[in-house]
N, C-alpha and C. Protein backbone atom coordinates (compact mmCIF):
# COMPACT_ATOMS: atom_id res chain seq x y z
N MET A 1 -18.56 6.60 -13.87
CA MET A 1 -19.44 6.71 -12.72
C MET A 1 -20.27 5.44 -12.60
N THR A 2 -20.27 4.85 -11.42
CA THR A 2 -21.10 3.68 -11.18
C THR A 2 -22.34 4.10 -10.40
N GLU A 3 -23.45 3.45 -10.70
CA GLU A 3 -24.70 3.77 -10.01
C GLU A 3 -25.45 2.49 -9.71
N GLN A 4 -25.95 2.41 -8.50
CA GLN A 4 -26.79 1.29 -8.08
C GLN A 4 -28.07 1.87 -7.51
N ILE A 5 -29.20 1.28 -7.90
CA ILE A 5 -30.50 1.73 -7.42
C ILE A 5 -31.16 0.59 -6.67
N TYR A 6 -31.61 0.88 -5.47
CA TYR A 6 -32.32 -0.08 -4.63
C TYR A 6 -33.72 0.49 -4.39
N THR A 7 -34.73 -0.22 -4.85
CA THR A 7 -36.10 0.28 -4.72
C THR A 7 -36.98 -0.74 -4.02
N ASN A 8 -38.07 -0.26 -3.45
CA ASN A 8 -39.03 -1.10 -2.74
C ASN A 8 -38.38 -1.74 -1.50
N TYR A 9 -37.59 -0.95 -0.81
CA TYR A 9 -36.96 -1.36 0.45
C TYR A 9 -37.50 -0.52 1.60
N ARG A 10 -37.53 -1.11 2.78
CA ARG A 10 -37.85 -0.36 4.00
C ARG A 10 -36.54 0.30 4.44
N LEU A 11 -36.56 1.62 4.49
CA LEU A 11 -35.37 2.40 4.82
C LEU A 11 -35.53 3.01 6.20
N GLN A 12 -34.56 2.79 7.07
CA GLN A 12 -34.58 3.36 8.41
C GLN A 12 -33.90 4.73 8.36
N LEU A 13 -34.72 5.78 8.35
CA LEU A 13 -34.18 7.14 8.33
C LEU A 13 -34.10 7.67 9.76
N VAL A 14 -33.58 8.87 9.93
CA VAL A 14 -33.37 9.42 11.27
C VAL A 14 -34.67 9.47 12.07
N SER A 15 -35.75 9.92 11.45
CA SER A 15 -36.98 10.12 12.22
C SER A 15 -38.14 9.23 11.78
N GLU A 16 -37.91 8.40 10.79
CA GLU A 16 -39.01 7.56 10.31
C GLU A 16 -38.50 6.37 9.50
N GLU A 17 -39.40 5.45 9.27
CA GLU A 17 -39.15 4.34 8.36
C GLU A 17 -40.03 4.56 7.14
N VAL A 18 -39.43 4.44 5.95
CA VAL A 18 -40.21 4.62 4.72
C VAL A 18 -39.96 3.45 3.78
N LEU A 19 -40.96 3.14 2.98
CA LEU A 19 -40.77 2.23 1.86
C LEU A 19 -40.32 3.11 0.71
N GLY A 20 -39.09 2.91 0.24
CA GLY A 20 -38.58 3.86 -0.72
C GLY A 20 -37.48 3.34 -1.60
N THR A 21 -36.76 4.31 -2.17
CA THR A 21 -35.70 4.06 -3.15
C THR A 21 -34.44 4.77 -2.69
N LEU A 22 -33.32 4.06 -2.80
CA LEU A 22 -32.02 4.61 -2.42
C LEU A 22 -31.09 4.48 -3.62
N VAL A 23 -30.35 5.54 -3.92
CA VAL A 23 -29.42 5.55 -5.05
C VAL A 23 -28.00 5.71 -4.52
N VAL A 24 -27.09 4.86 -5.00
CA VAL A 24 -25.67 4.93 -4.65
C VAL A 24 -24.90 5.27 -5.92
N ARG A 25 -24.14 6.37 -5.85
CA ARG A 25 -23.29 6.76 -6.98
C ARG A 25 -21.84 6.78 -6.51
N ASP A 26 -21.00 6.06 -7.23
CA ASP A 26 -19.57 5.99 -6.90
C ASP A 26 -19.32 5.66 -5.43
N GLY A 27 -20.10 4.72 -4.90
CA GLY A 27 -19.91 4.24 -3.54
C GLY A 27 -20.49 5.11 -2.45
N THR A 28 -21.22 6.17 -2.81
CA THR A 28 -21.79 7.09 -1.82
C THR A 28 -23.30 7.20 -2.03
N ILE A 29 -24.05 7.19 -0.95
CA ILE A 29 -25.50 7.38 -1.06
C ILE A 29 -25.74 8.79 -1.59
N SER A 30 -26.41 8.89 -2.74
CA SER A 30 -26.62 10.20 -3.35
C SER A 30 -28.08 10.65 -3.30
N ASP A 31 -29.01 9.73 -3.08
CA ASP A 31 -30.42 10.12 -3.06
C ASP A 31 -31.24 9.09 -2.31
N ILE A 32 -32.20 9.57 -1.55
CA ILE A 32 -33.18 8.72 -0.87
C ILE A 32 -34.54 9.35 -1.10
N GLN A 33 -35.47 8.56 -1.62
CA GLN A 33 -36.81 9.07 -1.90
C GLN A 33 -37.85 8.07 -1.43
N PRO A 34 -38.98 8.56 -0.89
CA PRO A 34 -40.08 7.64 -0.60
C PRO A 34 -40.69 7.13 -1.90
N GLY A 35 -41.24 5.95 -1.88
CA GLY A 35 -41.87 5.38 -3.07
C GLY A 35 -40.93 4.48 -3.83
N THR A 36 -41.49 3.79 -4.80
CA THR A 36 -40.72 2.84 -5.61
C THR A 36 -40.71 3.28 -7.06
N ILE A 37 -39.73 2.76 -7.79
CA ILE A 37 -39.62 3.03 -9.22
C ILE A 37 -39.45 1.71 -9.96
N SER A 38 -39.52 1.76 -11.28
CA SER A 38 -39.49 0.52 -12.07
C SER A 38 -38.08 0.00 -12.30
N GLN A 39 -37.06 0.81 -12.10
CA GLN A 39 -35.69 0.34 -12.34
C GLN A 39 -34.97 0.06 -11.03
N GLY A 40 -33.90 -0.71 -11.10
CA GLY A 40 -33.09 -1.02 -9.93
C GLY A 40 -33.43 -2.37 -9.32
N LYS A 41 -32.74 -2.69 -8.26
CA LYS A 41 -32.94 -3.95 -7.54
C LYS A 41 -34.18 -3.82 -6.67
N ASP A 42 -35.13 -4.72 -6.86
CA ASP A 42 -36.38 -4.71 -6.11
C ASP A 42 -36.20 -5.45 -4.79
N GLY A 43 -36.40 -4.76 -3.68
CA GLY A 43 -36.21 -5.35 -2.36
C GLY A 43 -37.43 -6.07 -1.82
N ALA A 44 -38.55 -6.00 -2.53
CA ALA A 44 -39.78 -6.70 -2.12
C ALA A 44 -40.17 -6.38 -0.68
N GLY A 45 -39.89 -5.15 -0.25
CA GLY A 45 -40.27 -4.73 1.09
C GLY A 45 -39.30 -5.10 2.19
N ASP A 46 -38.15 -5.69 1.84
CA ASP A 46 -37.15 -6.04 2.86
C ASP A 46 -36.48 -4.77 3.41
N TYR A 47 -35.83 -4.92 4.55
CA TYR A 47 -35.09 -3.81 5.15
C TYR A 47 -33.75 -3.62 4.44
N LEU A 48 -33.36 -2.37 4.26
CA LEU A 48 -32.05 -2.02 3.74
C LEU A 48 -31.41 -1.08 4.76
N MET A 49 -30.31 -1.54 5.35
CA MET A 49 -29.67 -0.77 6.42
C MET A 49 -28.17 -0.71 6.16
N PRO A 50 -27.51 0.33 6.69
CA PRO A 50 -26.05 0.39 6.54
C PRO A 50 -25.38 -0.69 7.37
N GLY A 51 -24.18 -1.05 6.96
CA GLY A 51 -23.41 -2.03 7.72
C GLY A 51 -22.78 -1.40 8.95
N PHE A 52 -22.37 -2.25 9.87
CA PHE A 52 -21.71 -1.80 11.09
C PHE A 52 -20.20 -1.81 10.90
N VAL A 53 -19.51 -0.97 11.66
CA VAL A 53 -18.05 -0.92 11.66
C VAL A 53 -17.58 -1.44 13.02
N GLU A 54 -16.77 -2.49 13.01
CA GLU A 54 -16.17 -3.05 14.23
C GLU A 54 -14.79 -2.43 14.39
N LEU A 55 -14.62 -1.60 15.41
CA LEU A 55 -13.37 -0.86 15.58
C LEU A 55 -12.25 -1.65 16.25
N HIS A 56 -12.58 -2.72 16.95
CA HIS A 56 -11.54 -3.50 17.64
C HIS A 56 -12.10 -4.88 17.96
N THR A 57 -11.49 -5.89 17.39
CA THR A 57 -11.90 -7.25 17.73
C THR A 57 -10.68 -8.17 17.78
N ASP A 58 -10.70 -9.05 18.77
CA ASP A 58 -9.69 -10.10 18.90
C ASP A 58 -10.22 -11.42 18.36
N ASN A 59 -11.32 -11.38 17.64
CA ASN A 59 -12.01 -12.59 17.20
C ASN A 59 -11.14 -13.48 16.32
N LEU A 60 -10.23 -12.91 15.53
CA LEU A 60 -9.37 -13.74 14.69
C LEU A 60 -8.57 -14.72 15.55
N GLU A 61 -8.04 -14.23 16.67
CA GLU A 61 -7.28 -15.12 17.57
C GLU A 61 -8.17 -16.26 18.08
N GLN A 62 -9.43 -15.95 18.39
CA GLN A 62 -10.35 -16.98 18.86
C GLN A 62 -10.67 -18.00 17.77
N CYS A 63 -10.71 -17.54 16.52
CA CYS A 63 -10.97 -18.46 15.41
C CYS A 63 -9.77 -19.35 15.13
N ILE A 64 -8.57 -18.82 15.34
CA ILE A 64 -7.36 -19.62 15.15
C ILE A 64 -7.25 -20.68 16.23
N SER A 65 -7.53 -20.29 17.46
CA SER A 65 -7.42 -21.22 18.59
C SER A 65 -8.69 -21.16 19.43
N PRO A 66 -9.74 -21.86 19.00
CA PRO A 66 -11.02 -21.78 19.71
C PRO A 66 -11.01 -22.45 21.08
N ARG A 67 -10.08 -23.37 21.29
CA ARG A 67 -9.92 -24.06 22.57
C ARG A 67 -8.43 -24.29 22.80
N PRO A 68 -8.04 -24.51 24.06
CA PRO A 68 -6.62 -24.79 24.31
C PRO A 68 -6.14 -25.99 23.48
N LYS A 69 -4.97 -25.84 22.91
CA LYS A 69 -4.30 -26.88 22.12
C LYS A 69 -5.00 -27.20 20.80
N VAL A 70 -5.94 -26.37 20.37
CA VAL A 70 -6.60 -26.52 19.06
C VAL A 70 -6.18 -25.32 18.22
N HIS A 71 -5.58 -25.58 17.05
CA HIS A 71 -5.11 -24.51 16.18
C HIS A 71 -5.56 -24.78 14.75
N TRP A 72 -6.44 -23.92 14.24
CA TRP A 72 -6.92 -24.03 12.87
C TRP A 72 -5.91 -23.40 11.92
N PRO A 73 -5.86 -23.86 10.67
CA PRO A 73 -5.00 -23.20 9.68
C PRO A 73 -5.42 -21.72 9.57
N LEU A 74 -4.44 -20.85 9.43
CA LEU A 74 -4.71 -19.41 9.43
C LEU A 74 -5.71 -18.99 8.36
N GLU A 75 -5.56 -19.54 7.14
CA GLU A 75 -6.45 -19.15 6.05
C GLU A 75 -7.90 -19.53 6.35
N VAL A 76 -8.10 -20.72 6.90
CA VAL A 76 -9.44 -21.20 7.24
C VAL A 76 -10.02 -20.33 8.36
N ALA A 77 -9.22 -20.06 9.38
CA ALA A 77 -9.67 -19.25 10.51
C ALA A 77 -10.02 -17.83 10.07
N ALA A 78 -9.23 -17.26 9.16
CA ALA A 78 -9.49 -15.90 8.70
C ALA A 78 -10.81 -15.81 7.93
N VAL A 79 -11.07 -16.79 7.07
CA VAL A 79 -12.33 -16.79 6.32
C VAL A 79 -13.51 -17.03 7.26
N TYR A 80 -13.36 -17.92 8.22
CA TYR A 80 -14.41 -18.18 9.20
C TYR A 80 -14.71 -16.91 10.00
N HIS A 81 -13.66 -16.22 10.42
CA HIS A 81 -13.78 -14.95 11.13
C HIS A 81 -14.53 -13.94 10.26
N ASP A 82 -14.15 -13.83 9.01
CA ASP A 82 -14.78 -12.90 8.08
C ASP A 82 -16.27 -13.19 7.91
N ARG A 83 -16.61 -14.44 7.72
CA ARG A 83 -18.02 -14.81 7.50
C ARG A 83 -18.88 -14.56 8.73
N GLY A 84 -18.31 -14.77 9.91
CA GLY A 84 -19.04 -14.47 11.14
C GLY A 84 -19.34 -12.99 11.28
N LEU A 85 -18.37 -12.16 10.92
CA LEU A 85 -18.59 -10.71 10.96
C LEU A 85 -19.68 -10.31 9.97
N ALA A 86 -19.59 -10.83 8.75
CA ALA A 86 -20.58 -10.49 7.73
C ALA A 86 -21.99 -10.92 8.15
N ALA A 87 -22.09 -12.08 8.77
CA ALA A 87 -23.40 -12.57 9.22
C ALA A 87 -24.00 -11.68 10.29
N ALA A 88 -23.15 -10.96 11.03
CA ALA A 88 -23.62 -10.05 12.08
C ALA A 88 -23.91 -8.65 11.54
N GLY A 89 -23.75 -8.45 10.23
CA GLY A 89 -24.02 -7.14 9.65
C GLY A 89 -22.84 -6.20 9.66
N ILE A 90 -21.66 -6.71 9.98
CA ILE A 90 -20.45 -5.88 10.00
C ILE A 90 -19.87 -5.85 8.59
N THR A 91 -19.61 -4.64 8.09
CA THR A 91 -19.07 -4.49 6.75
C THR A 91 -17.61 -4.03 6.74
N THR A 92 -17.16 -3.47 7.86
CA THR A 92 -15.78 -3.00 8.00
C THR A 92 -15.27 -3.41 9.37
N VAL A 93 -14.04 -3.92 9.43
CA VAL A 93 -13.49 -4.37 10.71
C VAL A 93 -12.04 -3.93 10.86
N CYS A 94 -11.68 -3.56 12.09
CA CYS A 94 -10.29 -3.32 12.45
C CYS A 94 -9.86 -4.52 13.28
N ASP A 95 -9.10 -5.41 12.66
CA ASP A 95 -8.64 -6.63 13.34
C ASP A 95 -7.50 -6.26 14.28
N ALA A 96 -7.72 -6.46 15.58
CA ALA A 96 -6.70 -6.15 16.58
C ALA A 96 -5.69 -7.29 16.63
N ILE A 97 -4.45 -6.97 16.31
CA ILE A 97 -3.36 -7.93 16.37
C ILE A 97 -2.39 -7.43 17.44
N ALA A 98 -2.10 -8.28 18.41
CA ALA A 98 -1.23 -7.88 19.52
C ALA A 98 0.22 -7.83 19.08
N VAL A 99 0.89 -6.74 19.43
CA VAL A 99 2.32 -6.61 19.20
C VAL A 99 2.99 -6.98 20.52
N GLY A 100 3.39 -8.25 20.61
CA GLY A 100 4.08 -8.72 21.79
C GLY A 100 3.18 -9.40 22.80
N ASP A 101 3.82 -10.01 23.78
CA ASP A 101 3.14 -10.71 24.86
C ASP A 101 4.19 -10.95 25.94
N ILE A 102 3.75 -11.20 27.15
CA ILE A 102 4.72 -11.48 28.22
C ILE A 102 5.21 -12.92 28.18
N THR A 103 4.51 -13.77 27.42
CA THR A 103 4.91 -15.17 27.26
C THR A 103 5.54 -15.34 25.87
N PRO A 104 6.85 -15.58 25.79
CA PRO A 104 7.53 -15.63 24.50
C PRO A 104 7.00 -16.68 23.52
N THR A 105 6.40 -17.76 24.03
CA THR A 105 5.94 -18.83 23.14
C THR A 105 4.44 -18.75 22.85
N SER A 106 3.80 -17.66 23.23
CA SER A 106 2.35 -17.55 23.02
C SER A 106 2.03 -17.45 21.53
N MET A 107 0.78 -17.75 21.19
CA MET A 107 0.34 -17.66 19.80
C MET A 107 0.52 -16.23 19.28
N ARG A 108 0.31 -15.25 20.13
CA ARG A 108 0.47 -13.86 19.71
C ARG A 108 1.89 -13.59 19.22
N MET A 109 2.86 -14.23 19.83
CA MET A 109 4.25 -14.04 19.44
C MET A 109 4.60 -14.86 18.20
N THR A 110 4.15 -16.10 18.17
CA THR A 110 4.55 -16.98 17.06
C THR A 110 3.75 -16.73 15.79
N GLN A 111 2.55 -16.17 15.91
CA GLN A 111 1.68 -15.98 14.74
C GLN A 111 1.50 -14.52 14.33
N PHE A 112 2.24 -13.60 14.95
CA PHE A 112 2.09 -12.17 14.66
C PHE A 112 2.22 -11.88 13.16
N GLY A 113 3.35 -12.21 12.59
CA GLY A 113 3.58 -11.97 11.16
C GLY A 113 2.65 -12.77 10.27
N PRO A 114 2.50 -14.07 10.52
CA PRO A 114 1.59 -14.87 9.69
C PRO A 114 0.13 -14.39 9.72
N MET A 115 -0.34 -13.89 10.87
CA MET A 115 -1.72 -13.38 10.92
C MET A 115 -1.88 -12.16 10.02
N ILE A 116 -0.91 -11.25 10.08
CA ILE A 116 -0.96 -10.06 9.24
C ILE A 116 -0.88 -10.45 7.77
N ASP A 117 0.04 -11.36 7.44
CA ASP A 117 0.17 -11.83 6.05
C ASP A 117 -1.12 -12.47 5.55
N THR A 118 -1.75 -13.29 6.39
CA THR A 118 -2.98 -13.97 5.99
C THR A 118 -4.10 -12.98 5.73
N LEU A 119 -4.23 -11.97 6.58
CA LEU A 119 -5.26 -10.94 6.36
C LEU A 119 -4.99 -10.17 5.07
N TYR A 120 -3.72 -9.82 4.84
CA TYR A 120 -3.36 -9.10 3.62
C TYR A 120 -3.65 -9.94 2.37
N GLN A 121 -3.25 -11.20 2.40
CA GLN A 121 -3.47 -12.08 1.25
C GLN A 121 -4.96 -12.30 1.00
N GLY A 122 -5.72 -12.50 2.06
CA GLY A 122 -7.16 -12.70 1.91
C GLY A 122 -7.85 -11.48 1.33
N LYS A 123 -7.42 -10.31 1.78
CA LYS A 123 -8.01 -9.06 1.29
C LYS A 123 -7.66 -8.83 -0.18
N THR A 124 -6.38 -8.99 -0.53
CA THR A 124 -5.97 -8.73 -1.91
C THR A 124 -6.51 -9.78 -2.88
N ALA A 125 -6.75 -11.00 -2.40
CA ALA A 125 -7.29 -12.06 -3.27
C ALA A 125 -8.81 -12.01 -3.37
N GLY A 126 -9.45 -11.13 -2.60
CA GLY A 126 -10.90 -11.01 -2.66
C GLY A 126 -11.64 -12.14 -1.96
N ARG A 127 -11.00 -12.78 -0.98
CA ARG A 127 -11.64 -13.89 -0.27
C ARG A 127 -12.60 -13.43 0.82
N PHE A 128 -12.54 -12.16 1.19
CA PHE A 128 -13.33 -11.67 2.31
C PHE A 128 -14.57 -10.92 1.85
N ALA A 129 -15.63 -11.04 2.62
CA ALA A 129 -16.86 -10.29 2.38
C ALA A 129 -16.82 -8.94 3.09
N VAL A 130 -15.98 -8.84 4.11
CA VAL A 130 -15.87 -7.64 4.95
C VAL A 130 -14.57 -6.92 4.60
N ASP A 131 -14.57 -5.60 4.74
CA ASP A 131 -13.37 -4.80 4.49
C ASP A 131 -12.51 -4.81 5.75
N HIS A 132 -11.34 -5.48 5.69
CA HIS A 132 -10.47 -5.67 6.86
C HIS A 132 -9.36 -4.61 6.89
N HIS A 133 -9.12 -4.09 8.11
CA HIS A 133 -8.03 -3.17 8.38
C HIS A 133 -7.30 -3.66 9.63
N LEU A 134 -6.06 -3.24 9.79
CA LEU A 134 -5.28 -3.66 10.97
C LEU A 134 -5.37 -2.64 12.09
N HIS A 135 -5.47 -3.14 13.29
CA HIS A 135 -5.37 -2.34 14.51
C HIS A 135 -4.28 -3.03 15.34
N LEU A 136 -3.06 -2.51 15.25
CA LEU A 136 -1.96 -3.12 16.00
C LEU A 136 -2.04 -2.65 17.45
N ARG A 137 -2.23 -3.61 18.33
CA ARG A 137 -2.39 -3.33 19.76
C ARG A 137 -1.06 -3.60 20.46
N CYS A 138 -0.42 -2.55 20.92
CA CYS A 138 0.90 -2.67 21.55
C CYS A 138 0.76 -3.10 23.01
N GLU A 139 1.34 -4.23 23.33
CA GLU A 139 1.34 -4.74 24.70
C GLU A 139 2.52 -4.11 25.43
N LEU A 140 2.23 -3.18 26.33
CA LEU A 140 3.28 -2.41 26.98
C LEU A 140 4.19 -3.26 27.86
N GLY A 141 3.73 -4.41 28.31
CA GLY A 141 4.56 -5.31 29.10
C GLY A 141 5.62 -6.03 28.28
N TYR A 142 5.54 -5.91 26.96
CA TYR A 142 6.50 -6.56 26.06
C TYR A 142 7.70 -5.64 25.88
N ASP A 143 8.88 -6.08 26.29
CA ASP A 143 10.07 -5.24 26.29
C ASP A 143 10.48 -4.73 24.91
N GLN A 144 10.18 -5.47 23.86
CA GLN A 144 10.64 -5.11 22.52
C GLN A 144 9.56 -4.46 21.66
N VAL A 145 8.49 -3.95 22.28
CA VAL A 145 7.39 -3.38 21.50
C VAL A 145 7.87 -2.24 20.61
N HIS A 146 8.83 -1.45 21.08
CA HIS A 146 9.34 -0.33 20.28
C HIS A 146 10.10 -0.81 19.05
N GLU A 147 10.87 -1.89 19.19
CA GLU A 147 11.63 -2.41 18.05
C GLU A 147 10.70 -3.00 16.99
N VAL A 148 9.66 -3.67 17.42
CA VAL A 148 8.74 -4.32 16.48
C VAL A 148 7.93 -3.29 15.71
N THR A 149 7.55 -2.19 16.37
CA THR A 149 6.69 -1.20 15.72
C THR A 149 7.46 -0.10 15.00
N ALA A 150 8.77 -0.07 15.13
CA ALA A 150 9.57 0.99 14.50
C ALA A 150 9.62 0.85 12.99
């Protein structure tokens, strides 16, 4: 069993803000109490809030190609994307990757597999601060969407 104690933090509860202590056991919040204790990480009165979940973002594509004819290496773009999410308070993200496009030579078509591979490798290697998941977005105008997703 793992336990983390955060004390002397401002906690945003449903109906109030308290200066208190929060206990996490095995990755789940198990206790919240007003007041501080002598053990645990001292927050010195800082705010402690849950992270946000981003359910759909195309931001990885924007990081790969921020302007026309500019293409960053996938690994660099993925880490840059990850750090931007973390800086915004996002702790979990569903990266939307397009399955198909109406333009056969588009980045979505040429980088589909490599984008997924890069996210998988970054996640398994521990390079990301945010927990990444895939959201495969099927482009219905793409004739072979059924073959790719089968």
